[in-house]
Amino acid sequence: MKQLTSIEEMNQFVQQSGKHLLFKHSTTCPISAKAHEEFQAYVKETNISAAIVLVIEDRPISNQIAEQFGIKHESPQIFLLEDGKVRWNTSHWKITTQAIKEAVAE
């Protein structure tokens, strides 16, 4: 799993072909900590291409994601990307290993 620390890295990640996951994580939020565990469990189980943005430490990247996709910022938040487009997203307690598995399978 790659941590994105620049808008250039984020754009390169988004433009990859195929399905991949982007997770926005707040290092100070207990809800985000639990969602991060679920996200990591899924990634380890599947080896899907995945990246993380730390929303406090890398605020400009987090803001760019919201603006670029036209999806209100939330944290934690996860996006299933495919060929540069968001195919699915959710946030907070809805981020579970099972929810991610179902979204990727569609």
N, C-alpha and C. Protein backbone atom coordinates (compact mmCIF):
# COMPACT_ATOMS: atom_id res chain seq x y z
N MET A 1 0.85 -1.17 0.00
CA MET A 1 0.00 0.00 0.00
C MET A 1 0.90 1.23 0.00
N LYS A 2 0.56 2.18 -0.84
CA LYS A 2 1.37 3.38 -1.01
C LYS A 2 0.71 4.57 -0.31
N GLN A 3 1.51 5.37 0.39
CA GLN A 3 1.00 6.61 0.96
C GLN A 3 1.25 7.71 -0.06
N LEU A 4 0.19 8.42 -0.44
CA LEU A 4 0.31 9.50 -1.42
C LEU A 4 0.62 10.80 -0.69
N THR A 5 1.71 11.46 -1.10
CA THR A 5 2.13 12.68 -0.42
C THR A 5 2.22 13.89 -1.34
N SER A 6 1.81 13.71 -2.60
CA SER A 6 1.78 14.85 -3.52
C SER A 6 0.59 14.69 -4.47
N ILE A 7 0.16 15.81 -5.02
CA ILE A 7 -0.96 15.76 -5.98
C ILE A 7 -0.52 14.99 -7.22
N GLU A 8 0.73 15.10 -7.60
CA GLU A 8 1.23 14.35 -8.75
C GLU A 8 1.14 12.84 -8.51
N GLU A 9 1.55 12.39 -7.33
CA GLU A 9 1.43 10.97 -7.00
C GLU A 9 -0.03 10.53 -7.02
N MET A 10 -0.90 11.37 -6.48
CA MET A 10 -2.32 11.05 -6.44
C MET A 10 -2.88 10.92 -7.87
N ASN A 11 -2.52 11.86 -8.74
CA ASN A 11 -3.02 11.79 -10.12
C ASN A 11 -2.51 10.54 -10.84
N GLN A 12 -1.25 10.18 -10.62
CA GLN A 12 -0.71 8.96 -11.23
C GLN A 12 -1.45 7.73 -10.72
N PHE A 13 -1.73 7.70 -9.43
CA PHE A 13 -2.44 6.56 -8.85
C PHE A 13 -3.85 6.45 -9.44
N VAL A 14 -4.56 7.57 -9.50
CA VAL A 14 -5.94 7.59 -10.00
C VAL A 14 -6.00 7.11 -11.45
N GLN A 15 -5.02 7.47 -12.26
CA GLN A 15 -5.06 7.17 -13.69
C GLN A 15 -4.64 5.74 -14.04
N GLN A 16 -4.24 4.94 -13.05
CA GLN A 16 -3.90 3.54 -13.34
C GLN A 16 -5.08 2.83 -13.99
N SER A 17 -4.78 1.85 -14.81
CA SER A 17 -5.87 1.06 -15.37
C SER A 17 -6.29 0.00 -14.36
N GLY A 18 -7.50 -0.48 -14.51
CA GLY A 18 -8.02 -1.51 -13.62
C GLY A 18 -8.57 -0.93 -12.33
N LYS A 19 -8.91 -1.82 -11.40
CA LYS A 19 -9.52 -1.43 -10.13
C LYS A 19 -8.44 -1.22 -9.06
N HIS A 20 -8.63 -0.15 -8.28
CA HIS A 20 -7.74 0.10 -7.17
C HIS A 20 -8.48 0.93 -6.12
N LEU A 21 -7.96 0.90 -4.90
CA LEU A 21 -8.62 1.54 -3.76
C LEU A 21 -7.82 2.72 -3.25
N LEU A 22 -8.54 3.79 -2.91
CA LEU A 22 -7.95 4.98 -2.32
C LEU A 22 -8.66 5.24 -1.00
N PHE A 23 -7.88 5.33 0.07
CA PHE A 23 -8.43 5.49 1.41
C PHE A 23 -7.95 6.80 2.02
N LYS A 24 -8.89 7.63 2.47
CA LYS A 24 -8.57 8.88 3.16
C LYS A 24 -8.69 8.61 4.66
N HIS A 25 -7.58 8.85 5.38
CA HIS A 25 -7.47 8.45 6.78
C HIS A 25 -7.09 9.62 7.67
N SER A 26 -7.81 9.77 8.78
CA SER A 26 -7.45 10.74 9.80
C SER A 26 -6.74 10.00 10.93
N THR A 27 -5.51 10.39 11.21
CA THR A 27 -4.71 9.71 12.22
C THR A 27 -5.15 10.07 13.65
N THR A 28 -6.12 10.97 13.79
CA THR A 28 -6.58 11.37 15.13
C THR A 28 -7.98 10.88 15.46
N CYS A 29 -8.60 10.16 14.54
CA CYS A 29 -10.01 9.78 14.70
C CYS A 29 -10.16 8.28 14.97
N PRO A 30 -10.84 7.90 16.06
CA PRO A 30 -11.02 6.47 16.34
C PRO A 30 -11.87 5.74 15.30
N ILE A 31 -12.84 6.42 14.70
CA ILE A 31 -13.64 5.79 13.63
C ILE A 31 -12.73 5.49 12.44
N SER A 32 -11.86 6.44 12.12
CA SER A 32 -10.94 6.24 11.01
C SER A 32 -9.95 5.10 11.32
N ALA A 33 -9.54 4.98 12.57
CA ALA A 33 -8.63 3.89 12.95
C ALA A 33 -9.28 2.53 12.69
N LYS A 34 -10.54 2.38 13.03
CA LYS A 34 -11.25 1.12 12.79
C LYS A 34 -11.42 0.87 11.29
N ALA A 35 -11.80 1.91 10.55
CA ALA A 35 -11.96 1.76 9.09
C ALA A 35 -10.62 1.40 8.45
N HIS A 36 -9.54 1.98 8.96
CA HIS A 36 -8.20 1.68 8.44
C HIS A 36 -7.86 0.21 8.64
N GLU A 37 -8.21 -0.35 9.79
CA GLU A 37 -8.01 -1.78 10.05
C GLU A 37 -8.77 -2.62 9.02
N GLU A 38 -10.03 -2.27 8.77
CA GLU A 38 -10.85 -3.01 7.79
C GLU A 38 -10.24 -2.92 6.39
N PHE A 39 -9.81 -1.72 6.02
CA PHE A 39 -9.19 -1.47 4.72
C PHE A 39 -7.91 -2.31 4.59
N GLN A 40 -7.04 -2.26 5.60
CA GLN A 40 -5.79 -3.02 5.57
C GLN A 40 -6.05 -4.52 5.48
N ALA A 41 -7.03 -4.99 6.20
CA ALA A 41 -7.37 -6.42 6.17
C ALA A 41 -7.76 -6.84 4.76
N TYR A 42 -8.57 -6.03 4.08
CA TYR A 42 -8.99 -6.36 2.73
C TYR A 42 -7.79 -6.35 1.78
N VAL A 43 -6.96 -5.33 1.87
CA VAL A 43 -5.81 -5.21 0.98
C VAL A 43 -4.86 -6.40 1.15
N LYS A 44 -4.61 -6.79 2.40
CA LYS A 44 -3.72 -7.93 2.66
C LYS A 44 -4.30 -9.22 2.08
N GLU A 45 -5.62 -9.35 2.18
CA GLU A 45 -6.32 -10.55 1.72
C GLU A 45 -6.29 -10.68 0.20
N THR A 46 -6.24 -9.55 -0.51
CA THR A 46 -6.42 -9.59 -1.96
C THR A 46 -5.25 -9.10 -2.77
N ASN A 47 -4.36 -8.31 -2.18
CA ASN A 47 -3.26 -7.69 -2.92
C ASN A 47 -3.72 -6.73 -4.01
N ILE A 48 -4.91 -6.14 -3.85
CA ILE A 48 -5.38 -5.12 -4.79
C ILE A 48 -4.48 -3.89 -4.66
N SER A 49 -4.31 -3.17 -5.73
CA SER A 49 -3.54 -1.93 -5.70
C SER A 49 -4.29 -0.94 -4.79
N ALA A 50 -3.57 -0.36 -3.83
CA ALA A 50 -4.22 0.51 -2.86
C ALA A 50 -3.28 1.63 -2.43
N ALA A 51 -3.90 2.77 -2.07
CA ALA A 51 -3.13 3.91 -1.58
C ALA A 51 -3.91 4.59 -0.46
N ILE A 52 -3.16 5.34 0.33
CA ILE A 52 -3.74 6.04 1.47
C ILE A 52 -3.31 7.50 1.44
N VAL A 53 -4.23 8.37 1.84
CA VAL A 53 -3.94 9.79 2.02
C VAL A 53 -4.24 10.12 3.47
N LEU A 54 -3.26 10.70 4.16
CA LEU A 54 -3.47 11.15 5.53
C LEU A 54 -4.05 12.56 5.46
N VAL A 55 -5.32 12.70 5.87
CA VAL A 55 -6.05 13.95 5.60
C VAL A 55 -5.54 15.15 6.39
N ILE A 56 -4.98 14.96 7.55
CA ILE A 56 -4.45 16.08 8.32
C ILE A 56 -3.07 16.47 7.80
N GLU A 57 -2.21 15.48 7.65
CA GLU A 57 -0.84 15.72 7.22
C GLU A 57 -0.75 16.18 5.76
N ASP A 58 -1.64 15.71 4.91
CA ASP A 58 -1.60 16.02 3.48
C ASP A 58 -2.93 16.61 3.02
N ARG A 59 -3.36 17.66 3.70
CA ARG A 59 -4.65 18.32 3.42
C ARG A 59 -4.83 18.71 1.96
N PRO A 60 -3.82 19.29 1.27
CA PRO A 60 -4.04 19.68 -0.14
C PRO A 60 -4.44 18.49 -1.02
N ILE A 61 -3.87 17.33 -0.76
CA ILE A 61 -4.22 16.14 -1.56
C ILE A 61 -5.64 15.72 -1.26
N SER A 62 -6.00 15.71 0.01
CA SER A 62 -7.36 15.37 0.41
C SER A 62 -8.37 16.31 -0.24
N ASN A 63 -8.08 17.60 -0.22
CA ASN A 63 -8.97 18.59 -0.84
C ASN A 63 -9.06 18.38 -2.35
N GLN A 64 -7.93 18.05 -2.99
CA GLN A 64 -7.92 17.82 -4.43
C GLN A 64 -8.80 16.63 -4.80
N ILE A 65 -8.78 15.59 -4.00
CA ILE A 65 -9.60 14.41 -4.26
C ILE A 65 -11.08 14.80 -4.25
N ALA A 66 -11.50 15.55 -3.23
CA ALA A 66 -12.90 15.98 -3.14
C ALA A 66 -13.28 16.82 -4.35
N GLU A 67 -12.41 17.75 -4.72
CA GLU A 67 -12.69 18.63 -5.85
C GLU A 67 -12.70 17.88 -7.18
N GLN A 68 -11.71 17.05 -7.38
CA GLN A 68 -11.56 16.32 -8.65
C GLN A 68 -12.72 15.37 -8.90
N PHE A 69 -13.17 14.69 -7.87
CA PHE A 69 -14.25 13.72 -8.04
C PHE A 69 -15.63 14.30 -7.78
N GLY A 70 -15.70 15.52 -7.26
CA GLY A 70 -16.99 16.13 -6.95
C GLY A 70 -17.73 15.40 -5.84
N ILE A 71 -16.97 14.83 -4.90
CA ILE A 71 -17.55 14.07 -3.78
C ILE A 71 -17.11 14.75 -2.50
N LYS A 72 -18.09 15.16 -1.69
CA LYS A 72 -17.81 15.86 -0.44
C LYS A 72 -16.79 15.11 0.40
N HIS A 73 -15.84 15.87 0.96
CA HIS A 73 -14.82 15.27 1.81
C HIS A 73 -15.44 14.69 3.08
N GLU A 74 -15.03 13.48 3.40
CA GLU A 74 -15.36 12.87 4.68
C GLU A 74 -14.11 12.12 5.13
N SER A 75 -14.06 11.80 6.38
CA SER A 75 -12.92 11.06 6.88
C SER A 75 -13.37 10.21 8.06
N PRO A 76 -13.14 8.92 7.95
CA PRO A 76 -12.49 8.19 6.87
C PRO A 76 -13.40 8.08 5.65
N GLN A 77 -12.77 7.86 4.51
CA GLN A 77 -13.51 7.74 3.25
C GLN A 77 -12.72 6.81 2.33
N ILE A 78 -13.45 5.99 1.58
CA ILE A 78 -12.79 5.07 0.65
C ILE A 78 -13.42 5.20 -0.73
N PHE A 79 -12.57 5.05 -1.74
CA PHE A 79 -13.00 5.13 -3.13
C PHE A 79 -12.51 3.89 -3.87
N LEU A 80 -13.40 3.29 -4.64
CA LEU A 80 -13.00 2.26 -5.59
C LEU A 80 -12.86 2.96 -6.93
N LEU A 81 -11.66 2.95 -7.45
CA LEU A 81 -11.38 3.62 -8.72
C LEU A 81 -11.19 2.57 -9.81
N GLU A 82 -11.65 2.92 -11.00
CA GLU A 82 -11.41 2.05 -12.15
C GLU A 82 -11.22 2.93 -13.37
N ASP A 83 -10.04 2.83 -13.98
CA ASP A 83 -9.72 3.59 -15.18
C ASP A 83 -9.97 5.09 -14.99
N GLY A 84 -9.53 5.63 -13.84
CA GLY A 84 -9.60 7.07 -13.59
C GLY A 84 -10.93 7.59 -13.08
N LYS A 85 -11.90 6.70 -12.86
CA LYS A 85 -13.22 7.12 -12.40
C LYS A 85 -13.57 6.45 -11.07
N VAL A 86 -14.38 7.14 -10.28
CA VAL A 86 -14.86 6.56 -9.03
C VAL A 86 -16.04 5.66 -9.35
N ARG A 87 -15.93 4.39 -9.00
CA ARG A 87 -17.02 3.42 -9.22
C ARG A 87 -17.87 3.24 -7.97
N TRP A 88 -17.27 3.54 -6.80
CA TRP A 88 -17.97 3.35 -5.53
C TRP A 88 -17.22 4.14 -4.48
N ASN A 89 -17.95 4.66 -3.51
CA ASN A 89 -17.29 5.29 -2.35
C ASN A 89 -18.22 5.21 -1.16
N THR A 90 -17.62 5.24 0.01
CA THR A 90 -18.39 5.26 1.25
C THR A 90 -17.50 5.83 2.35
N SER A 91 -18.09 5.99 3.53
CA SER A 91 -17.31 6.60 4.61
C SER A 91 -17.72 6.04 5.97
N HIS A 92 -16.96 6.43 6.95
CA HIS A 92 -17.18 6.15 8.36
C HIS A 92 -17.40 4.66 8.64
N TRP A 93 -18.44 4.34 9.40
CA TRP A 93 -18.68 2.96 9.83
C TRP A 93 -19.05 2.03 8.69
N LYS A 94 -19.38 2.58 7.53
CA LYS A 94 -19.74 1.73 6.38
C LYS A 94 -18.50 1.12 5.71
N ILE A 95 -17.31 1.54 6.14
CA ILE A 95 -16.08 0.98 5.58
C ILE A 95 -15.76 -0.31 6.34
N THR A 96 -16.13 -1.43 5.72
CA THR A 96 -15.85 -2.74 6.29
C THR A 96 -15.20 -3.60 5.22
N THR A 97 -14.50 -4.63 5.67
CA THR A 97 -13.88 -5.55 4.73
C THR A 97 -14.93 -6.13 3.79
N GLN A 98 -16.10 -6.49 4.34
CA GLN A 98 -17.17 -7.07 3.53
C GLN A 98 -17.72 -6.08 2.50
N ALA A 99 -17.91 -4.83 2.91
CA ALA A 99 -18.43 -3.81 1.98
C ALA A 99 -17.44 -3.59 0.83
N ILE A 100 -16.16 -3.55 1.15
CA ILE A 100 -15.14 -3.36 0.12
C ILE A 100 -15.14 -4.56 -0.83
N LYS A 101 -15.21 -5.75 -0.27
CA LYS A 101 -15.23 -6.99 -1.07
C LYS A 101 -16.40 -6.97 -2.06
N GLU A 102 -17.58 -6.59 -1.58
CA GLU A 102 -18.77 -6.55 -2.44
C GLU A 102 -18.62 -5.50 -3.54
N ALA A 103 -18.09 -4.34 -3.19
CA ALA A 103 -17.92 -3.27 -4.18
C ALA A 103 -16.94 -3.67 -5.28
N VAL A 104 -15.84 -4.27 -4.90
CA VAL A 104 -14.82 -4.69 -5.86
C VAL A 104 -15.35 -5.81 -6.76
N ALA A 105 -16.18 -6.69 -6.22
CA ALA A 105 -16.72 -7.83 -6.98
C ALA A 105 -17.72 -7.40 -8.05
N GLU A 106 -18.36 -6.25 -7.89
CA GLU A 106 -19.38 -5.81 -8.86
C GLU A 106 -18.79 -5.50 -10.20
